[in-house]
């Protein structure tokens, strides 16, 4: 499917500089541009590519002013990255959706299946499961007993959703994710560790994305809750009875220990570790590899392990590099001091 610069500019409310009839049929990074592709320029570090790119159309911010001629047609917008995201969503929505239920799928007689649903070969749907309209379930996925999945949700291959869990509308669950496995609950005894039954559930609200091989454990009692709009990257561990506030994003390999509550609109970097029973306020930023031993006030920006205020961390890091010189100077001052003491005596 082809789109002209004029059509694209109309959709994203951009200003054309060049040929309004130029057409594209694919996307490409600006440094890998080809004819018939649309690219974007947002990061100034990539500006030099725009003069040589073979992409037919390039989205740029309105304040961009070229220093030499450009062969590509430009579309100037308020935010090139946001405009690209809109176009990618439009492109994705235009793809034909899979529908139909494979005869190789195993579906319990008591399951309720909505309209326009796609259930792939070797998917398993348990007793009393409720699958809403326009849901897609890919091969080898297990949907346990009494699971509820909302409209327009996609569950990719090899996902396991344990019994009684709930997934909202418009969600995406990527391959290998496990939702509703037992929380890590064991009681020490004289003979070893005795398992504490995990009788709770997992509730995932609308428009949540769960990355590949991410695990969200069921609650000991009550529910582990992922609020609306949350985006979880790959290989994340969300433990029992956690709550992740709406629109929070968590990058890969982060781990959240049990009964921790994370606020809204937080940004948590990769490989962050959060201790259990902590409360993380709204709009908190936590840098990659931070170790967070306790609660964090709303609006804080922290880093390090143990994590503390980011500005103080940078000051400390600057001093840390100077420690060898400071140590040498301190020893020299100590020697001078001792010599003065001896003379005074």
C-alpha atoms as a PDB file:
ATOM      1  CA  UNK A   1       0.000   0.000   0.000  1.00  0.00           C
ATOM      2  CA  UNK A   2       1.392   3.387  -1.020  1.00  0.00           C
ATOM      3  CA  UNK A   3       0.875   6.782   0.583  1.00  0.00           C
ATOM      4  CA  UNK A   4       1.800  10.184  -0.813  1.00  0.00           C
ATOM      5  CA  UNK A   5       3.516  12.972   1.068  1.00  0.00           C
ATOM      6  CA  UNK A   6       0.285  14.958   0.777  1.00  0.00           C
ATOM      7  CA  UNK A   7      -1.760  12.178   2.411  1.00  0.00           C
ATOM      8  CA  UNK A   8       0.799  11.695   5.186  1.00  0.00           C
ATOM      9  CA  UNK A   9       1.080  15.416   5.906  1.00  0.00           C
ATOM     10  CA  UNK A  10      -2.688  15.692   6.113  1.00  0.00           C
ATOM     11  CA  UNK A  11      -2.870  12.832   8.619  1.00  0.00           C
ATOM     12  CA  UNK A  12      -0.129  14.138  10.936  1.00  0.00           C
ATOM     13  CA  UNK A  13      -0.795  17.853  10.270  1.00  0.00           C
ATOM     14  CA  UNK A  14       2.639  18.493   8.793  1.00  0.00           C
ATOM     15  CA  UNK A  15       4.129  20.987   6.350  1.00  0.00           C
ATOM     16  CA  UNK A  16       5.625  19.608   3.111  1.00  0.00           C
ATOM     17  CA  UNK A  17       8.970  20.830   1.807  1.00  0.00           C
ATOM     18  CA  UNK A  18       9.469  19.216  -1.591  1.00  0.00           C
ATOM     19  CA  UNK A  19       7.307  16.981  -3.767  1.00  0.00           C
ATOM     20  CA  UNK A  20       3.825  16.515  -2.322  1.00  0.00           C
ATOM     21  CA  UNK A  21       3.238  13.641  -4.759  1.00  0.00           C
ATOM     22  CA  UNK A  22       6.235  11.609  -3.590  1.00  0.00           C
ATOM     23  CA  UNK A  23       5.047   8.165  -2.472  1.00  0.00           C
ATOM     24  CA  UNK A  24       6.270   5.633   0.063  1.00  0.00           C
ATOM     25  CA  UNK A  25       5.357   2.054   0.888  1.00  0.00           C
ATOM     26  CA  UNK A  26       7.664   1.168   3.778  1.00  0.00           C
ATOM     27  CA  UNK A  27       9.609   2.514   6.766  1.00  0.00           C
ATOM     28  CA  UNK A  28      13.370   2.721   7.239  1.00  0.00           C
ATOM     29  CA  UNK A  29      15.875   4.220   9.668  1.00  0.00           C
ATOM     30  CA  UNK A  30      17.396   7.364   8.226  1.00  0.00           C
ATOM     31  CA  UNK A  31      20.867   5.807   8.044  1.00  0.00           C
ATOM     32  CA  UNK A  32      19.442   2.793   6.174  1.00  0.00           C
ATOM     33  CA  UNK A  33      17.087   4.677   3.867  1.00  0.00           C
ATOM     34  CA  UNK A  34      15.919   3.252   0.541  1.00  0.00           C
ATOM     35  CA  UNK A  35      13.738   4.610  -2.226  1.00  0.00           C
ATOM     36  CA  UNK A  36      10.063   4.316  -1.364  1.00  0.00           C
ATOM     37  CA  UNK A  37      10.717   4.519   2.391  1.00  0.00           C
ATOM     38  CA  UNK A  38       9.770   7.109   4.979  1.00  0.00           C
ATOM     39  CA  UNK A  39      12.269   7.926   7.736  1.00  0.00           C
ATOM     40  CA  UNK A  40      12.446  10.413  10.582  1.00  0.00           C
ATOM     41  CA  UNK A  41      15.011  12.731  12.144  1.00  0.00           C
ATOM     42  CA  UNK A  42      14.587  13.530  15.817  1.00  0.00           C
ATOM     43  CA  UNK A  43      18.007  13.091  17.445  1.00  0.00           C
ATOM     44  CA  UNK A  44      20.510  15.806  16.357  1.00  0.00           C
ATOM     45  CA  UNK A  45      23.284  13.164  16.353  1.00  0.00           C
ATOM     46  CA  UNK A  46      21.731  11.707  13.193  1.00  0.00           C
ATOM     47  CA  UNK A  47      21.419  15.009  11.305  1.00  0.00           C
ATOM     48  CA  UNK A  48      24.317  14.244   8.938  1.00  0.00           C
ATOM     49  CA  UNK A  49      22.430  11.235   7.544  1.00  0.00           C
ATOM     50  CA  UNK A  50      19.653  13.403   6.120  1.00  0.00           C
ATOM     51  CA  UNK A  51      21.917  14.784   3.396  1.00  0.00           C
ATOM     52  CA  UNK A  52      22.751  11.348   1.992  1.00  0.00           C
ATOM     53  CA  UNK A  53      19.727   9.210   2.862  1.00  0.00           C
ATOM     54  CA  UNK A  54      17.943   7.522  -0.020  1.00  0.00           C
ATOM     55  CA  UNK A  55      14.584   7.601   1.785  1.00  0.00           C
ATOM     56  CA  UNK A  56      11.906   9.324  -0.268  1.00  0.00           C
ATOM     57  CA  UNK A  57      10.302  11.172   2.660  1.00  0.00           C
ATOM     58  CA  UNK A  58      11.793  12.239   5.996  1.00  0.00           C
ATOM     59  CA  UNK A  59       9.844  13.544   8.986  1.00  0.00           C
ATOM     60  CA  UNK A  60      11.655  16.404  10.740  1.00  0.00           C
ATOM     61  CA  UNK A  61      10.874  18.807  13.568  1.00  0.00           C
ATOM     62  CA  UNK A  62       9.592  22.241  12.554  1.00  0.00           C
ATOM     63  CA  UNK A  63      12.745  23.962  13.747  1.00  0.00           C
ATOM     64  CA  UNK A  64      14.994  21.934  11.413  1.00  0.00           C
ATOM     65  CA  UNK A  65      16.835  24.068   8.860  1.00  0.00           C
ATOM     66  CA  UNK A  66      19.092  22.214   6.365  1.00  0.00           C
ATOM     67  CA  UNK A  67      22.644  23.430   5.871  1.00  0.00           C
ATOM     68  CA  UNK A  68      22.897  22.017   2.345  1.00  0.00           C
ATOM     69  CA  UNK A  69      20.581  20.525  -0.306  1.00  0.00           C
ATOM     70  CA  UNK A  70      18.464  17.461   0.530  1.00  0.00           C
ATOM     71  CA  UNK A  71      17.033  15.137  -2.117  1.00  0.00           C
ATOM     72  CA  UNK A  72      14.281  13.730   0.119  1.00  0.00           C
ATOM     73  CA  UNK A  73      10.902  15.381   0.549  1.00  0.00           C
ATOM     74  CA  UNK A  74      10.591  16.728   4.082  1.00  0.00           C
ATOM     75  CA  UNK A  75       7.466  16.835   6.228  1.00  0.00           C
ATOM     76  CA  UNK A  76       7.870  19.271   9.120  1.00  0.00           C
ATOM     77  CA  UNK A  77       5.920  18.471  12.281  1.00  0.00           C
ATOM     78  CA  UNK A  78       5.884  19.503  15.947  1.00  0.00           C
ATOM     79  CA  UNK A  79       7.498  16.234  17.034  1.00  0.00           C
ATOM     80  CA  UNK A  80       8.957  13.881  14.431  1.00  0.00           C
ATOM     81  CA  UNK A  81       9.162  10.898  16.807  1.00  0.00           C
ATOM     82  CA  UNK A  82       5.519  11.209  17.900  1.00  0.00           C
ATOM     83  CA  UNK A  83       4.400  11.592  14.283  1.00  0.00           C
ATOM     84  CA  UNK A  84       6.299   8.461  13.302  1.00  0.00           C
ATOM     85  CA  UNK A  85       4.571   6.577  16.113  1.00  0.00           C
ATOM     86  CA  UNK A  86       1.169   7.657  14.754  1.00  0.00           C
ATOM     87  CA  UNK A  87       2.087   6.457  11.271  1.00  0.00           C
ATOM     88  CA  UNK A  88       3.368   3.122  12.591  1.00  0.00           C
ATOM     89  CA  UNK A  89       0.114   2.597  14.481  1.00  0.00           C
ATOM     90  CA  UNK A  90      -1.837   3.393  11.316  1.00  0.00           C
ATOM     91  CA  UNK A  91       0.318   0.955   9.358  1.00  0.00           C
ATOM     92  CA  UNK A  92      -0.148  -1.769  11.965  1.00  0.00           C
ATOM     93  CA  UNK A  93      -3.915  -1.233  12.059  1.00  0.00           C
ATOM     94  CA  UNK A  94      -4.104  -1.608   8.264  1.00  0.00           C
ATOM     95  CA  UNK A  95      -2.708  -5.153   8.386  1.00  0.00           C
ATOM     96  CA  UNK A  96      -5.337  -7.867   7.987  1.00  0.00           C
ATOM     97  CA  UNK A  97      -6.208  -9.530  11.291  1.00  0.00           C
ATOM     98  CA  UNK A  98      -6.229 -13.269  11.687  1.00  0.00           C
ATOM     99  CA  UNK A  99      -9.579 -14.797  12.569  1.00  0.00           C
ATOM    100  CA  UNK A 100     -10.953 -18.263  12.916  1.00  0.00           C
ATOM    101  CA  UNK A 101     -10.587 -21.111  15.369  1.00  0.00           C
ATOM    102  CA  UNK A 102      -8.251 -23.926  14.448  1.00  0.00           C
ATOM    103  CA  UNK A 103      -9.547 -27.477  14.667  1.00  0.00           C
ATOM    104  CA  UNK A 104      -6.219 -28.271  16.339  1.00  0.00           C
ATOM    105  CA  UNK A 105      -6.992 -25.978  19.277  1.00  0.00           C
ATOM    106  CA  UNK A 106      -8.314 -27.536  22.489  1.00  0.00           C
ATOM    107  CA  UNK A 107     -11.261 -25.539  23.824  1.00  0.00           C
ATOM    108  CA  UNK A 108     -13.293 -26.605  26.861  1.00  0.00           C
ATOM    109  CA  UNK A 109     -17.021 -26.953  26.289  1.00  0.00           C
ATOM    110  CA  UNK A 110     -17.731 -24.507  29.116  1.00  0.00           C
ATOM    111  CA  UNK A 111     -15.489 -21.770  27.661  1.00  0.00           C
ATOM    112  CA  UNK A 112     -17.168 -18.686  26.185  1.00  0.00           C
ATOM    113  CA  UNK A 113     -15.680 -17.473  22.913  1.00  0.00           C
ATOM    114  CA  UNK A 114     -16.602 -14.078  21.418  1.00  0.00           C
ATOM    115  CA  UNK A 115     -16.890 -12.998  17.793  1.00  0.00           C
ATOM    116  CA  UNK A 116     -14.025 -12.502  15.318  1.00  0.00           C
ATOM    117  CA  UNK A 117     -11.675 -14.411  17.602  1.00  0.00           C
ATOM    118  CA  UNK A 118      -8.486 -16.068  16.373  1.00  0.00           C
ATOM    119  CA  UNK A 119      -7.385 -19.207  18.202  1.00  0.00           C
ATOM    120  CA  UNK A 120      -4.327 -20.841  16.651  1.00  0.00           C
ATOM    121  CA  UNK A 121      -3.364 -24.525  16.454  1.00  0.00           C
ATOM    122  CA  UNK A 122      -2.412 -26.174  19.754  1.00  0.00           C
ATOM    123  CA  UNK A 123      -3.747 -23.356  21.914  1.00  0.00           C
ATOM    124  CA  UNK A 124      -5.568 -24.625  25.014  1.00  0.00           C
ATOM    125  CA  UNK A 125      -8.583 -22.843  26.506  1.00  0.00           C
ATOM    126  CA  UNK A 126      -9.667 -24.070  29.950  1.00  0.00           C
ATOM    127  CA  UNK A 127     -13.046 -24.567  31.584  1.00  0.00           C
ATOM    128  CA  UNK A 128     -15.208 -21.467  32.098  1.00  0.00           C
ATOM    129  CA  UNK A 129     -12.652 -19.211  30.380  1.00  0.00           C
ATOM    130  CA  UNK A 130     -14.164 -16.099  28.790  1.00  0.00           C
ATOM    131  CA  UNK A 131     -12.569 -14.823  25.590  1.00  0.00           C
ATOM    132  CA  UNK A 132     -14.072 -11.519  24.387  1.00  0.00           C
ATOM    133  CA  UNK A 133     -14.553 -10.299  20.797  1.00  0.00           C
ATOM    134  CA  UNK A 134     -11.571  -9.718  18.493  1.00  0.00           C
ATOM    135  CA  UNK A 135      -9.067 -11.499  20.739  1.00  0.00           C
ATOM    136  CA  UNK A 136      -6.112 -13.299  19.096  1.00  0.00           C
ATOM    137  CA  UNK A 137      -4.501 -16.292  20.797  1.00  0.00           C
ATOM    138  CA  UNK A 138      -1.416 -17.704  19.086  1.00  0.00           C
ATOM    139  CA  UNK A 139      -0.042 -21.277  18.987  1.00  0.00           C
ATOM    140  CA  UNK A 140       0.874 -23.303  22.077  1.00  0.00           C
ATOM    141  CA  UNK A 141      -0.649 -20.761  24.448  1.00  0.00           C
ATOM    142  CA  UNK A 142      -2.403 -21.992  27.591  1.00  0.00           C
ATOM    143  CA  UNK A 143      -5.416 -20.095  28.921  1.00  0.00           C
ATOM    144  CA  UNK A 144      -6.359 -21.627  32.261  1.00  0.00           C
ATOM    145  CA  UNK A 145      -9.702 -22.273  33.900  1.00  0.00           C
ATOM    146  CA  UNK A 146     -11.911 -19.232  34.574  1.00  0.00           C
ATOM    147  CA  UNK A 147      -9.489 -16.813  32.908  1.00  0.00           C
ATOM    148  CA  UNK A 148     -11.082 -13.671  31.441  1.00  0.00           C
ATOM    149  CA  UNK A 149      -9.562 -11.842  28.462  1.00  0.00           C
ATOM    150  CA  UNK A 150     -10.954  -8.508  27.223  1.00  0.00           C
ATOM    151  CA  UNK A 151     -11.656  -7.255  23.697  1.00  0.00           C
ATOM    152  CA  UNK A 152      -8.898  -6.711  21.140  1.00  0.00           C
ATOM    153  CA  UNK A 153      -6.211  -8.318  23.282  1.00  0.00           C
ATOM    154  CA  UNK A 154      -3.390 -10.275  21.630  1.00  0.00           C
ATOM    155  CA  UNK A 155      -1.776 -13.220  23.397  1.00  0.00           C
ATOM    156  CA  UNK A 156       1.252 -14.436  21.445  1.00  0.00           C
ATOM    157  CA  UNK A 157       2.713 -17.931  21.230  1.00  0.00           C
ATOM    158  CA  UNK A 158       3.798 -19.981  24.242  1.00  0.00           C
ATOM    159  CA  UNK A 159       2.159 -17.764  26.849  1.00  0.00           C
ATOM    160  CA  UNK A 160       0.780 -19.359  30.024  1.00  0.00           C
ATOM    161  CA  UNK A 161      -2.107 -17.670  31.826  1.00  0.00           C
ATOM    162  CA  UNK A 162      -2.938 -19.569  34.996  1.00  0.00           C
ATOM    163  CA  UNK A 163      -6.434 -20.105  36.384  1.00  0.00           C
ATOM    164  CA  UNK A 164      -8.667 -17.225  37.524  1.00  0.00           C
ATOM    165  CA  UNK A 165      -6.452 -14.442  36.126  1.00  0.00           C
ATOM    166  CA  UNK A 166      -7.965 -11.443  34.319  1.00  0.00           C
ATOM    167  CA  UNK A 167      -6.544  -9.544  31.343  1.00  0.00           C
ATOM    168  CA  UNK A 168      -8.255  -6.375  30.161  1.00  0.00           C
ATOM    169  CA  UNK A 169      -9.056  -4.971  26.724  1.00  0.00           C
ATOM    170  CA  UNK A 170      -6.451  -3.833  24.211  1.00  0.00           C
ATOM    171  CA  UNK A 171      -3.580  -5.645  25.914  1.00  0.00           C
ATOM    172  CA  UNK A 172      -0.580  -7.348  24.287  1.00  0.00           C
ATOM    173  CA  UNK A 173       1.098 -10.316  25.974  1.00  0.00           C
ATOM    174  CA  UNK A 174       4.310 -11.382  24.237  1.00  0.00           C
ATOM    175  CA  UNK A 175       5.699 -14.870  23.804  1.00  0.00           C
ATOM    176  CA  UNK A 176       6.852 -16.817  26.809  1.00  0.00           C
ATOM    177  CA  UNK A 177       5.168 -14.596  29.403  1.00  0.00           C
ATOM    178  CA  UNK A 178       3.765 -16.369  32.464  1.00  0.00           C
ATOM    179  CA  UNK A 179       0.844 -14.755  34.254  1.00  0.00           C
ATOM    180  CA  UNK A 180      -0.424 -16.147  37.528  1.00  0.00           C
ATOM    181  CA  UNK A 181       2.315 -18.569  38.571  1.00  0.00           C
ATOM    182  CA  UNK A 182       2.607 -19.005  42.328  1.00  0.00           C
ATOM    183  CA  UNK A 183       4.159 -16.245  44.358  1.00  0.00           C
ATOM    184  CA  UNK A 184       7.408 -17.087  46.122  1.00  0.00           C
ATOM    185  CA  UNK A 185       5.924 -17.986  49.482  1.00  0.00           C
ATOM    186  CA  UNK A 186       7.556 -20.516  51.835  1.00  0.00           C
ATOM    187  CA  UNK A 187       7.546 -20.894  55.617  1.00  0.00           C
ATOM    188  CA  UNK A 188      10.747 -22.149  57.307  1.00  0.00           C
ATOM    189  CA  UNK A 189      10.307 -25.293  59.444  1.00  0.00           C
ATOM    190  CA  UNK A 190      12.681 -27.673  61.211  1.00  0.00           C
ATOM    191  CA  UNK A 191      12.552 -29.950  58.171  1.00  0.00           C
ATOM    192  CA  UNK A 192      12.988 -27.253  55.532  1.00  0.00           C
ATOM    193  CA  UNK A 193      10.642 -24.852  53.764  1.00  0.00           C
ATOM    194  CA  UNK A 194       6.916 -25.485  53.654  1.00  0.00           C
ATOM    195  CA  UNK A 195       5.010 -24.041  50.715  1.00  0.00           C
ATOM    196  CA  UNK A 196       2.373 -21.415  51.514  1.00  0.00           C
ATOM    197  CA  UNK A 197      -0.578 -21.861  49.120  1.00  0.00           C
ATOM    198  CA  UNK A 198      -0.983 -18.897  46.787  1.00  0.00           C
ATOM    199  CA  UNK A 199      -4.758 -18.538  46.493  1.00  0.00           C
ATOM    200  CA  UNK A 200      -4.951 -15.034  44.999  1.00  0.00           C
ATOM    201  CA  UNK A 201      -5.012 -13.920  41.381  1.00  0.00           C
ATOM    202  CA  UNK A 202      -3.571 -11.473  38.842  1.00  0.00           C
ATOM    203  CA  UNK A 203      -5.553  -8.539  37.437  1.00  0.00           C
ATOM    204  CA  UNK A 204      -4.201  -6.792  34.353  1.00  0.00           C
ATOM    205  CA  UNK A 205      -6.209  -3.732  33.352  1.00  0.00           C
ATOM    206  CA  UNK A 206      -6.750  -2.289  29.853  1.00  0.00           C
ATOM    207  CA  UNK A 207      -4.023  -1.314  27.355  1.00  0.00           C
ATOM    208  CA  UNK A 208      -1.182  -3.051  29.160  1.00  0.00           C
ATOM    209  CA  UNK A 209       1.772  -4.551  27.281  1.00  0.00           C
ATOM    210  CA  UNK A 210       3.665  -7.465  28.817  1.00  0.00           C
ATOM    211  CA  UNK A 211       7.070  -8.262  27.310  1.00  0.00           C
ATOM    212  CA  UNK A 212       8.465 -11.629  26.306  1.00  0.00           C
ATOM    213  CA  UNK A 213       9.365 -14.014  29.144  1.00  0.00           C
ATOM    214  CA  UNK A 214       8.066 -11.608  31.768  1.00  0.00           C
ATOM    215  CA  UNK A 215       6.513 -13.225  34.857  1.00  0.00           C
ATOM    216  CA  UNK A 216       3.681 -11.773  36.943  1.00  0.00           C
ATOM    217  CA  UNK A 217       3.024 -13.886  40.032  1.00  0.00           C
ATOM    218  CA  UNK A 218      -0.391 -14.435  41.560  1.00  0.00           C
ATOM    219  CA  UNK A 219      -1.083 -13.005  45.005  1.00  0.00           C
ATOM    220  CA  UNK A 220      -0.907 -15.020  48.186  1.00  0.00           C
ATOM    221  CA  UNK A 221      -4.371 -13.594  48.904  1.00  0.00           C
ATOM    222  CA  UNK A 222      -6.158 -10.867  46.988  1.00  0.00           C
ATOM    223  CA  UNK A 223      -4.574  -9.769  43.706  1.00  0.00           C
ATOM    224  CA  UNK A 224      -1.368  -8.720  42.017  1.00  0.00           C
ATOM    225  CA  UNK A 225      -2.521  -5.712  39.986  1.00  0.00           C
ATOM    226  CA  UNK A 226      -1.126  -4.135  36.826  1.00  0.00           C
ATOM    227  CA  UNK A 227      -3.034  -0.904  36.244  1.00  0.00           C
ATOM    228  CA  UNK A 228      -4.132   0.498  32.883  1.00  0.00           C
ATOM    229  CA  UNK A 229      -1.550   1.655  30.370  1.00  0.00           C
ATOM    230  CA  UNK A 230       1.442  -0.023  32.035  1.00  0.00           C
ATOM    231  CA  UNK A 231       4.244  -1.154  29.694  1.00  0.00           C
ATOM    232  CA  UNK A 232       6.479  -3.980  30.874  1.00  0.00           C
ATOM    233  CA  UNK A 233       9.595  -4.888  28.903  1.00  0.00           C
ATOM    234  CA  UNK A 234      11.037  -8.394  28.476  1.00  0.00           C
ATOM    235  CA  UNK A 235      12.349 -10.563  31.321  1.00  0.00           C
ATOM    236  CA  UNK A 236      10.717  -8.678  34.188  1.00  0.00           C
ATOM    237  CA  UNK A 237       9.673 -10.261  37.491  1.00  0.00           C
ATOM    238  CA  UNK A 238       6.588  -8.872  39.245  1.00  0.00           C
ATOM    239  CA  UNK A 239       6.123 -10.713  42.539  1.00  0.00           C
ATOM    240  CA  UNK A 240       3.014 -11.633  44.528  1.00  0.00           C
ATOM    241  CA  UNK A 241       0.703  -8.854  45.750  1.00  0.00           C
ATOM    242  CA  UNK A 242       2.574  -6.114  43.873  1.00  0.00           C
ATOM    243  CA  UNK A 243       0.683  -3.230  42.334  1.00  0.00           C
ATOM    244  CA  UNK A 244       2.039  -1.257  39.366  1.00  0.00           C
ATOM    245  CA  UNK A 245       0.338   2.114  38.912  1.00  0.00           C
ATOM    246  CA  UNK A 246      -1.195   3.292  35.652  1.00  0.00           C
ATOM    247  CA  UNK A 247       1.098   4.331  32.771  1.00  0.00           C
ATOM    248  CA  UNK A 248       4.257   3.239  34.531  1.00  0.00           C
ATOM    249  CA  UNK A 249       7.002   1.809  32.287  1.00  0.00           C
ATOM    250  CA  UNK A 250       9.578  -0.756  33.417  1.00  0.00           C
ATOM    251  CA  UNK A 251      12.593  -1.756  31.307  1.00  0.00           C
ATOM    252  CA  UNK A 252      14.046  -5.238  30.862  1.00  0.00           C
ATOM    253  CA  UNK A 253      15.376  -7.464  33.653  1.00  0.00           C
ATOM    254  CA  UNK A 254      13.915  -5.399  36.474  1.00  0.00           C
ATOM    255  CA  UNK A 255      12.644  -7.266  39.518  1.00  0.00           C
ATOM    256  CA  UNK A 256      10.005  -6.178  42.021  1.00  0.00           C
ATOM    257  CA  UNK A 257       9.800  -8.098  45.305  1.00  0.00           C
ATOM    258  CA  UNK A 258       6.485  -8.943  46.939  1.00  0.00           C
ATOM    259  CA  UNK A 259       3.856  -6.515  48.251  1.00  0.00           C
ATOM    260  CA  UNK A 260       5.488  -3.431  46.728  1.00  0.00           C
ATOM    261  CA  UNK A 261       3.259  -0.648  45.436  1.00  0.00           C
ATOM    262  CA  UNK A 262       4.501   1.435  42.504  1.00  0.00           C
ATOM    263  CA  UNK A 263       2.770   4.721  41.671  1.00  0.00           C
ATOM    264  CA  UNK A 264       1.528   6.191  38.405  1.00  0.00           C
ATOM    265  CA  UNK A 265       3.714   7.434  35.537  1.00  0.00           C
ATOM    266  CA  UNK A 266       6.939   6.037  36.990  1.00  0.00           C
ATOM    267  CA  UNK A 267       9.928   5.248  34.767  1.00  0.00           C
ATOM    268  CA  UNK A 268      12.048   2.324  35.954  1.00  0.00           C
ATOM    269  CA  UNK A 269      15.255   1.421  34.123  1.00  0.00           C
ATOM    270  CA  UNK A 270      16.683  -1.961  33.217  1.00  0.00           C
ATOM    271  CA  UNK A 271      17.985  -4.329  35.907  1.00  0.00           C
ATOM    272  CA  UNK A 272      16.492  -2.274  38.726  1.00  0.00           C
ATOM    273  CA  UNK A 273      15.758  -4.216  41.901  1.00  0.00           C
ATOM    274  CA  UNK A 274      12.955  -3.080  44.222  1.00  0.00           C
ATOM    275  CA  UNK A 275      12.747  -4.443  47.762  1.00  0.00           C
ATOM    276  CA  UNK A 276       9.516  -5.897  49.103  1.00  0.00           C
ATOM    277  CA  UNK A 277       6.805  -3.981  51.003  1.00  0.00           C
ATOM    278  CA  UNK A 278       8.029  -0.644  49.604  1.00  0.00           C
ATOM    279  CA  UNK A 279       5.885   2.241  48.377  1.00  0.00           C
ATOM    280  CA  UNK A 280       7.120   4.068  45.272  1.00  0.00           C
ATOM    281  CA  UNK A 281       5.367   7.394  44.736  1.00  0.00           C
ATOM    282  CA  UNK A 282       3.957   8.789  41.493  1.00  0.00           C
ATOM    283  CA  UNK A 283       6.295  10.018  38.735  1.00  0.00           C
ATOM    284  CA  UNK A 284       9.421   8.500  40.244  1.00  0.00           C
ATOM    285  CA  UNK A 285      12.413   7.921  37.955  1.00  0.00           C
ATOM    286  CA  UNK A 286      14.790   5.082  38.814  1.00  0.00           C
ATOM    287  CA  UNK A 287      17.980   4.731  36.750  1.00  0.00           C
ATOM    288  CA  UNK A 288      19.200   1.401  35.380  1.00  0.00           C
ATOM    289  CA  UNK A 289      20.770  -1.093  37.802  1.00  0.00           C
ATOM    290  CA  UNK A 290      19.595   0.823  40.852  1.00  0.00           C
ATOM    291  CA  UNK A 291      18.967  -1.133  44.028  1.00  0.00           C
ATOM    292  CA  UNK A 292      15.999   0.340  45.911  1.00  0.00           C
ATOM    293  CA  UNK A 293      15.882  -0.864  49.524  1.00  0.00           C
ATOM    294  CA  UNK A 294      12.728   0.952  50.638  1.00  0.00           C
ATOM    295  CA  UNK A 295      10.033   3.504  49.888  1.00  0.00           C
ATOM    296  CA  UNK A 296      10.600   6.483  47.569  1.00  0.00           C
ATOM    297  CA  UNK A 297       8.786   9.821  47.673  1.00  0.00           C
ATOM    298  CA  UNK A 298       6.730  10.981  44.671  1.00  0.00           C
ATOM    299  CA  UNK A 299       8.682  12.856  42.017  1.00  0.00           C
ATOM    300  CA  UNK A 300      12.093  11.565  43.144  1.00  0.00           C
ATOM    301  CA  UNK A 301      14.833  10.788  40.628  1.00  0.00           C
ATOM    302  CA  UNK A 302      17.213   8.180  42.058  1.00  0.00           C
ATOM    303  CA  UNK A 303      20.101   5.978  41.008  1.00  0.00           C
ATOM    304  CA  UNK A 304      22.865   3.812  42.432  1.00  0.00           C
ATOM    305  CA  UNK A 305      22.867   0.831  44.745  1.00  0.00           C
ATOM    306  CA  UNK A 306      21.640   1.497  47.335  1.00  0.00           C
ATOM    307  CA  UNK A 307      19.777   4.120  45.340  1.00  0.00           C
ATOM    308  CA  UNK A 308      19.675   7.785  46.373  1.00  0.00           C
ATOM    309  CA  UNK A 309      19.041  11.210  44.834  1.00  0.00           C
ATOM    310  CA  UNK A 310      20.397  11.354  41.283  1.00  0.00           C
ATOM    311  CA  UNK A 311      22.077  14.773  41.696  1.00  0.00           C
ATOM    312  CA  UNK A 312      23.876  13.637  44.823  1.00  0.00           C
ATOM    313  CA  UNK A 313      24.820  10.423  43.037  1.00  0.00           C
ATOM    314  CA  UNK A 314      26.517  12.344  40.201  1.00  0.00           C
ATOM    315  CA  UNK A 315      28.427  14.494  42.714  1.00  0.00           C
ATOM    316  CA  UNK A 316      29.510  11.360  44.553  1.00  0.00           C
ATOM    317  CA  UNK A 317      30.537   9.664  41.315  1.00  0.00           C
ATOM    318  CA  UNK A 318      32.713  12.649  40.398  1.00  0.00           C
ATOM    319  CA  UNK A 319      34.438  12.458  43.774  1.00  0.00           C
ATOM    320  CA  UNK A 320      34.802   8.688  43.549  1.00  0.00           C
ATOM    321  CA  UNK A 321      37.035   9.025  40.494  1.00  0.00           C
ATOM    322  CA  UNK A 322      39.272  11.403  42.456  1.00  0.00           C
ATOM    323  CA  UNK A 323      39.632   9.147  45.521  1.00  0.00           C
ATOM    324  CA  UNK A 324      43.142   7.870  44.619  1.00  0.00           C
ATOM    325  CA  UNK A 325      44.440  11.449  44.323  1.00  0.00           C
ATOM    326  CA  UNK A 326      42.620  12.487  47.491  1.00  0.00           C
ATOM    327  CA  UNK A 327      44.099   9.478  49.314  1.00  0.00           C
ATOM    328  CA  UNK A 328      47.620  10.365  48.159  1.00  0.00           C
ATOM    329  CA  UNK A 329      47.177  14.000  49.189  1.00  0.00           C
ATOM    330  CA  UNK A 330      45.748  12.974  52.565  1.00  0.00           C
ATOM    331  CA  UNK A 331      48.763  10.767  53.292  1.00  0.00           C
ATOM    332  CA  UNK A 332      51.125  13.601  52.337  1.00  0.00           C
ATOM    333  CA  UNK A 333      49.274  15.965  54.685  1.00  0.00           C
ATOM    334  CA  UNK A 334      49.406  13.359  57.461  1.00  0.00           C
ATOM    335  CA  UNK A 335      53.178  13.027  57.077  1.00  0.00           C
ATOM    336  CA  UNK A 336      53.606  16.819  57.149  1.00  0.00           C
ATOM    337  CA  UNK A 337      51.396  17.043  60.215  1.00  0.00           C
ATOM    338  CA  UNK A 338      53.362  14.349  62.030  1.00  0.00           C
ATOM    339  CA  UNK A 339      56.658  16.105  61.178  1.00  0.00           C
ATOM    340  CA  UNK A 340      55.326  19.399  62.569  1.00  0.00           C
ATOM    341  CA  UNK A 341      54.213  17.631  65.756  1.00  0.00           C
ATOM    342  CA  UNK A 342      57.670  16.148  66.225  1.00  0.00           C
ATOM    343  CA  UNK A 343      59.357  19.531  65.756  1.00  0.00           C
ATOM    344  CA  UNK A 344      56.976  21.221  68.184  1.00  0.00           C
ATOM    345  CA  UNK A 345      57.757  18.597  70.804  1.00  0.00           C
END
